[in-house]
Structures are given as structure tokens and as C-alpha cells.
Protein backbone atom coordinates (compact mmCIF):
# COMPACT_ATOMS: atom_id res chain seq x y z
CA UNK A 1 -4.78 -8.93 18.17
CA UNK A 2 -3.38 -6.82 21.00
CA UNK A 3 0.22 -6.48 22.06
CA UNK A 4 -0.35 -7.24 25.72
CA UNK A 5 3.08 -5.98 26.71
CA UNK A 6 2.42 -2.48 25.37
CA UNK A 7 -1.38 -2.52 25.35
CA UNK A 8 -1.73 -1.48 21.69
CA UNK A 9 -2.57 -3.45 18.56
CA UNK A 10 0.44 -4.22 16.32
CA UNK A 11 -1.07 -2.03 13.58
CA UNK A 12 -0.55 1.04 15.78
CA UNK A 13 3.21 0.51 15.69
CA UNK A 14 3.14 -0.05 11.95
CA UNK A 15 1.15 3.16 11.43
CA UNK A 16 3.61 5.13 13.54
CA UNK A 17 6.48 3.98 11.29
CA UNK A 18 4.68 4.41 7.97
CA UNK A 19 5.91 7.27 5.79
CA UNK A 20 2.59 7.26 3.96
CA UNK A 21 0.72 7.69 7.24
CA UNK A 22 3.12 10.45 8.28
CA UNK A 23 2.39 12.28 5.01
CA UNK A 24 -1.34 11.85 5.58
CA UNK A 25 -1.04 13.36 9.08
CA UNK A 26 1.08 16.27 7.81
CA UNK A 27 -1.41 17.01 5.03
CA UNK A 28 -4.33 16.78 7.45
CA UNK A 29 -2.58 19.26 9.75
CA UNK A 30 -2.21 21.71 6.84
CA UNK A 31 -5.88 21.35 5.95
CA UNK A 32 -6.87 22.03 9.57
CA UNK A 33 -4.58 25.08 9.61
CA UNK A 34 -6.19 26.30 6.37
CA UNK A 35 -9.65 25.70 7.87
CA UNK A 36 -8.75 27.81 10.90
CA UNK A 37 -7.31 30.67 8.82
CA UNK A 38 -10.22 30.81 6.40
CA UNK A 39 -12.77 30.48 9.20
CA UNK A 40 -11.15 33.40 11.03
CA UNK A 41 -11.32 35.50 7.85
CA UNK A 42 -15.04 34.78 7.46
CA UNK A 43 -15.87 34.97 11.15
CA UNK A 44 -17.47 31.51 11.11
CA UNK A 45 -16.43 27.89 10.75
CA UNK A 46 -16.15 26.90 7.07
CA UNK A 47 -16.11 23.19 7.90
CA UNK A 48 -13.55 20.53 7.13
CA UNK A 49 -14.95 19.56 3.72
CA UNK A 50 -14.86 23.13 2.39
CA UNK A 51 -11.35 23.60 3.75
CA UNK A 52 -10.24 20.31 2.21
CA UNK A 53 -11.60 21.21 -1.23
CA UNK A 54 -10.20 24.75 -1.16
CA UNK A 55 -6.79 23.70 0.14
CA UNK A 56 -6.56 20.87 -2.40
CA UNK A 57 -7.42 23.18 -5.29
CA UNK A 58 -5.21 26.09 -4.28
CA UNK A 59 -2.36 24.86 -2.10
CA UNK A 60 -1.77 21.09 -2.23
CA UNK A 61 0.48 20.91 -5.30
CA UNK A 62 2.83 23.63 -4.02
CA UNK A 63 2.83 22.18 -0.50
CA UNK A 64 3.78 18.72 -1.80
CA UNK A 65 6.49 20.13 -4.06
CA UNK A 66 8.00 22.10 -1.17
CA UNK A 67 7.96 19.01 1.08
CA UNK A 68 9.72 16.94 -1.57
CA UNK A 69 12.37 19.63 -2.02
CA UNK A 70 13.04 19.80 1.72
CA UNK A 71 13.30 16.01 2.02
CA UNK A 72 15.73 15.77 -0.88
CA UNK A 73 17.88 18.75 0.07
């Protein structure tokens, strides 16, 4: 179903207000940043999957902890 007034499906508005979706987007942005940094170090694209696995193993827990601390400060 489309919201004919705004031209977007109602789910789009729900997604824009979802804290879970916002966290997903923030995490994805960090993975893409990690992909860029690691690709630059190697001189070639490491790919999203490799970046995802590496970032998850080495950085995700600390990143989530720091985000929680900032939100609750």
C-alpha cells in the first residue's frame, strides 16, 4: 500500500522511526568504514563480506559498548 500523499509506502516511515533500523544503519556504516580502511591498507578492495567478518570479530563488541555508554550518559 502506498501513501499517495507522500508517495512512499507506510513501512518507509516506520523504518525511519525504528531504533533497531537506526542501529542497523549505524553498524553498516561502521562496517563500510572498516572496509575502506582495510582496503586502503591492502591496496585493493577486501569486499563487504570480509570486512563484515573482520569488523564483527575485532570491533563490534567495543563499538556497541561505546554506543550504549554514550546513549546512557
